[in-house]
């Protein structure tokens, strides 16, 4: 028996795909300086807050797919 991850038809739902694209853009932009150039390794005084790793716009796209968890 073999298990293949993902939906049976092999298609990723549009809201998941769009959320991934938005998240990729967000993470890419947070790694760049105000000049649009990549940050240098010496820019150690900057760090991205963890709370902004998953923007609300992405959460909205994924709302039907995210299971709420309580810690």
N, C-alpha and C. Protein backbone atom coordinates (compact mmCIF):
# COMPACT_ATOMS: atom_id res chain seq x y z
N UNK A 1 0.84 -1.17 0.00
CA UNK A 1 0.00 0.00 0.00
C UNK A 1 0.90 1.24 0.00
N UNK A 2 0.54 2.22 -0.82
CA UNK A 2 1.31 3.46 -0.92
C UNK A 2 0.39 4.64 -0.61
N UNK A 3 0.92 5.58 0.18
CA UNK A 3 0.16 6.79 0.49
C UNK A 3 0.80 7.96 -0.22
N UNK A 4 0.00 8.76 -0.90
CA UNK A 4 0.46 9.97 -1.54
C UNK A 4 -0.18 11.16 -0.84
N UNK A 5 0.67 12.07 -0.36
CA UNK A 5 0.16 13.25 0.36
C UNK A 5 -0.56 14.19 -0.60
N UNK A 6 -1.56 14.89 -0.08
CA UNK A 6 -2.28 15.87 -0.87
C UNK A 6 -3.66 15.39 -1.25
N UNK A 7 -4.41 16.25 -1.93
CA UNK A 7 -5.76 15.89 -2.33
C UNK A 7 -5.77 14.78 -3.38
N UNK A 8 -6.84 14.03 -3.41
CA UNK A 8 -6.93 12.87 -4.31
C UNK A 8 -6.79 13.26 -5.78
N UNK A 9 -7.30 14.43 -6.15
CA UNK A 9 -7.23 14.84 -7.56
C UNK A 9 -5.90 15.52 -7.90
N UNK A 10 -5.05 15.74 -6.88
CA UNK A 10 -3.74 16.36 -7.12
C UNK A 10 -3.76 17.86 -7.25
N UNK A 11 -4.94 18.47 -7.16
CA UNK A 11 -5.04 19.92 -7.30
C UNK A 11 -5.09 20.60 -5.94
N UNK A 12 -4.30 21.63 -5.78
CA UNK A 12 -4.30 22.40 -4.54
C UNK A 12 -5.43 23.42 -4.65
N UNK A 13 -6.29 23.53 -3.61
CA UNK A 13 -7.38 24.50 -3.66
C UNK A 13 -6.85 25.93 -3.87
N UNK A 14 -7.62 26.72 -4.61
CA UNK A 14 -7.20 28.09 -4.95
C UNK A 14 -6.87 28.94 -3.72
N UNK A 15 -7.67 28.82 -2.66
CA UNK A 15 -7.41 29.65 -1.48
C UNK A 15 -6.11 29.27 -0.79
N UNK A 16 -5.72 28.01 -0.85
CA UNK A 16 -4.43 27.59 -0.29
C UNK A 16 -3.30 28.11 -1.16
N UNK A 17 -3.42 27.95 -2.46
CA UNK A 17 -2.40 28.42 -3.38
C UNK A 17 -2.20 29.93 -3.26
N UNK A 18 -3.28 30.69 -3.23
CA UNK A 18 -3.19 32.15 -3.13
C UNK A 18 -2.55 32.55 -1.80
N UNK A 19 -2.91 31.86 -0.73
CA UNK A 19 -2.32 32.15 0.58
C UNK A 19 -0.83 31.88 0.60
N UNK A 20 -0.39 30.80 -0.06
CA UNK A 20 1.04 30.49 -0.13
C UNK A 20 1.78 31.58 -0.91
N UNK A 21 1.20 32.05 -2.00
CA UNK A 21 1.83 33.11 -2.78
C UNK A 21 1.94 34.39 -1.95
N UNK A 22 0.88 34.73 -1.21
CA UNK A 22 0.90 35.93 -0.37
C UNK A 22 1.94 35.79 0.75
N UNK A 23 2.01 34.63 1.36
CA UNK A 23 2.96 34.39 2.44
C UNK A 23 4.40 34.45 1.91
N UNK A 24 4.65 33.88 0.74
CA UNK A 24 5.98 33.93 0.14
C UNK A 24 6.39 35.38 -0.14
N UNK A 25 5.48 36.17 -0.69
CA UNK A 25 5.77 37.58 -0.94
C UNK A 25 6.05 38.32 0.36
N UNK A 26 5.24 38.07 1.38
CA UNK A 26 5.41 38.74 2.67
C UNK A 26 6.77 38.41 3.28
N UNK A 27 7.12 37.12 3.31
CA UNK A 27 8.40 36.72 3.89
C UNK A 27 9.57 37.25 3.08
N UNK A 28 9.43 37.28 1.75
CA UNK A 28 10.48 37.83 0.91
C UNK A 28 10.69 39.31 1.21
N UNK A 29 9.60 40.06 1.31
CA UNK A 29 9.71 41.50 1.54
C UNK A 29 10.25 41.83 2.93
N UNK A 30 9.99 41.00 3.92
CA UNK A 30 10.49 41.29 5.27
C UNK A 30 11.99 41.04 5.38
N UNK A 31 12.57 40.37 4.40
CA UNK A 31 14.01 40.11 4.43
C UNK A 31 14.79 41.17 3.65
N UNK A 32 14.11 42.17 3.17
CA UNK A 32 14.76 43.19 2.35
C UNK A 32 14.77 44.52 3.08
N UNK A 33 15.77 45.32 2.83
CA UNK A 33 15.87 46.63 3.46
C UNK A 33 14.99 47.64 2.75
N UNK A 34 15.01 48.89 3.22
CA UNK A 34 14.21 49.94 2.62
C UNK A 34 14.62 50.25 1.19
N UNK A 35 15.86 49.89 0.83
CA UNK A 35 16.35 50.16 -0.51
C UNK A 35 15.88 49.11 -1.51
N UNK A 36 15.30 48.01 -1.02
CA UNK A 36 14.88 46.94 -1.91
C UNK A 36 15.98 45.92 -2.13
N UNK A 37 17.15 46.19 -1.57
CA UNK A 37 18.26 45.24 -1.68
C UNK A 37 18.25 44.29 -0.50
N UNK A 38 18.81 43.09 -0.66
CA UNK A 38 18.86 42.15 0.47
C UNK A 38 19.63 42.74 1.65
N UNK A 39 19.21 42.37 2.85
CA UNK A 39 19.91 42.83 4.05
C UNK A 39 21.27 42.15 4.15
N UNK A 40 22.22 42.85 4.74
CA UNK A 40 23.54 42.29 4.95
C UNK A 40 23.54 41.49 6.24
N UNK A 41 24.45 40.56 6.35
CA UNK A 41 24.57 39.76 7.57
C UNK A 41 24.89 40.65 8.77
N UNK A 42 25.47 41.83 8.53
CA UNK A 42 25.84 42.73 9.63
C UNK A 42 24.64 43.50 10.19
N UNK A 43 23.48 43.40 9.55
CA UNK A 43 22.28 44.08 10.04
C UNK A 43 21.67 43.30 11.19
N UNK A 44 22.45 43.06 12.23
CA UNK A 44 22.02 42.20 13.34
C UNK A 44 21.05 42.88 14.29
N UNK A 45 20.88 44.20 14.17
CA UNK A 45 19.97 44.90 15.07
C UNK A 45 18.51 44.74 14.65
N UNK A 46 18.26 44.12 13.52
CA UNK A 46 16.90 43.95 13.02
C UNK A 46 16.48 42.51 13.18
N UNK A 47 15.25 42.31 13.61
CA UNK A 47 14.69 40.96 13.63
C UNK A 47 13.19 41.05 13.34
N UNK A 48 12.66 40.06 12.66
CA UNK A 48 11.25 40.06 12.31
C UNK A 48 10.45 39.51 13.47
N UNK A 49 9.44 40.23 13.94
CA UNK A 49 8.60 39.70 15.02
C UNK A 49 7.88 38.43 14.57
N UNK A 50 7.86 37.44 15.41
CA UNK A 50 7.25 36.16 15.07
C UNK A 50 5.75 36.31 14.80
N UNK A 51 5.09 37.24 15.46
CA UNK A 51 3.66 37.43 15.28
C UNK A 51 3.27 37.83 13.88
N UNK A 52 4.22 38.34 13.12
CA UNK A 52 3.92 38.79 11.76
C UNK A 52 4.33 37.75 10.72
N UNK A 53 4.69 36.56 11.16
CA UNK A 53 5.10 35.52 10.22
C UNK A 53 3.94 35.06 9.35
N UNK A 54 2.75 35.01 9.91
CA UNK A 54 1.56 34.61 9.15
C UNK A 54 0.56 35.78 9.18
N UNK A 55 0.58 36.61 8.14
CA UNK A 55 -0.30 37.78 8.09
C UNK A 55 -1.78 37.40 8.12
N UNK A 56 -2.60 38.33 8.59
CA UNK A 56 -4.04 38.09 8.67
C UNK A 56 -4.65 37.80 7.29
N UNK A 57 -4.13 38.44 6.25
CA UNK A 57 -4.68 38.20 4.91
C UNK A 57 -4.50 36.73 4.51
N UNK A 58 -3.38 36.15 4.89
CA UNK A 58 -3.14 34.73 4.60
C UNK A 58 -4.07 33.87 5.44
N UNK A 59 -4.21 34.21 6.71
CA UNK A 59 -5.13 33.47 7.59
C UNK A 59 -6.54 33.47 7.03
N UNK A 60 -6.97 34.60 6.45
CA UNK A 60 -8.31 34.69 5.88
C UNK A 60 -8.46 33.73 4.70
N UNK A 61 -7.43 33.62 3.87
CA UNK A 61 -7.49 32.68 2.74
C UNK A 61 -7.55 31.24 3.23
N UNK A 62 -6.88 30.96 4.33
CA UNK A 62 -6.77 29.60 4.84
C UNK A 62 -7.80 29.28 5.92
N UNK A 63 -8.71 30.19 6.22
CA UNK A 63 -9.62 30.05 7.35
C UNK A 63 -10.36 28.72 7.38
N UNK A 64 -10.82 28.25 6.26
CA UNK A 64 -11.59 26.99 6.25
C UNK A 64 -10.67 25.77 6.41
N UNK A 65 -9.36 25.96 6.28
CA UNK A 65 -8.42 24.85 6.34
C UNK A 65 -7.62 24.80 7.63
N UNK A 66 -7.65 25.89 8.42
CA UNK A 66 -6.88 25.94 9.66
C UNK A 66 -7.75 25.45 10.82
N UNK A 67 -7.22 24.52 11.57
CA UNK A 67 -7.90 24.05 12.76
C UNK A 67 -7.43 24.87 13.94
N UNK A 68 -8.36 25.47 14.65
CA UNK A 68 -8.01 26.27 15.81
C UNK A 68 -7.49 25.39 16.93
N UNK A 69 -6.42 25.84 17.55
CA UNK A 69 -5.83 25.10 18.66
C UNK A 69 -5.72 25.99 19.87
N UNK A 70 -5.95 25.43 21.02
CA UNK A 70 -5.83 26.17 22.28
C UNK A 70 -4.71 25.54 23.07
N UNK A 71 -3.77 26.39 23.49
CA UNK A 71 -2.63 25.86 24.25
C UNK A 71 -2.92 25.88 25.73
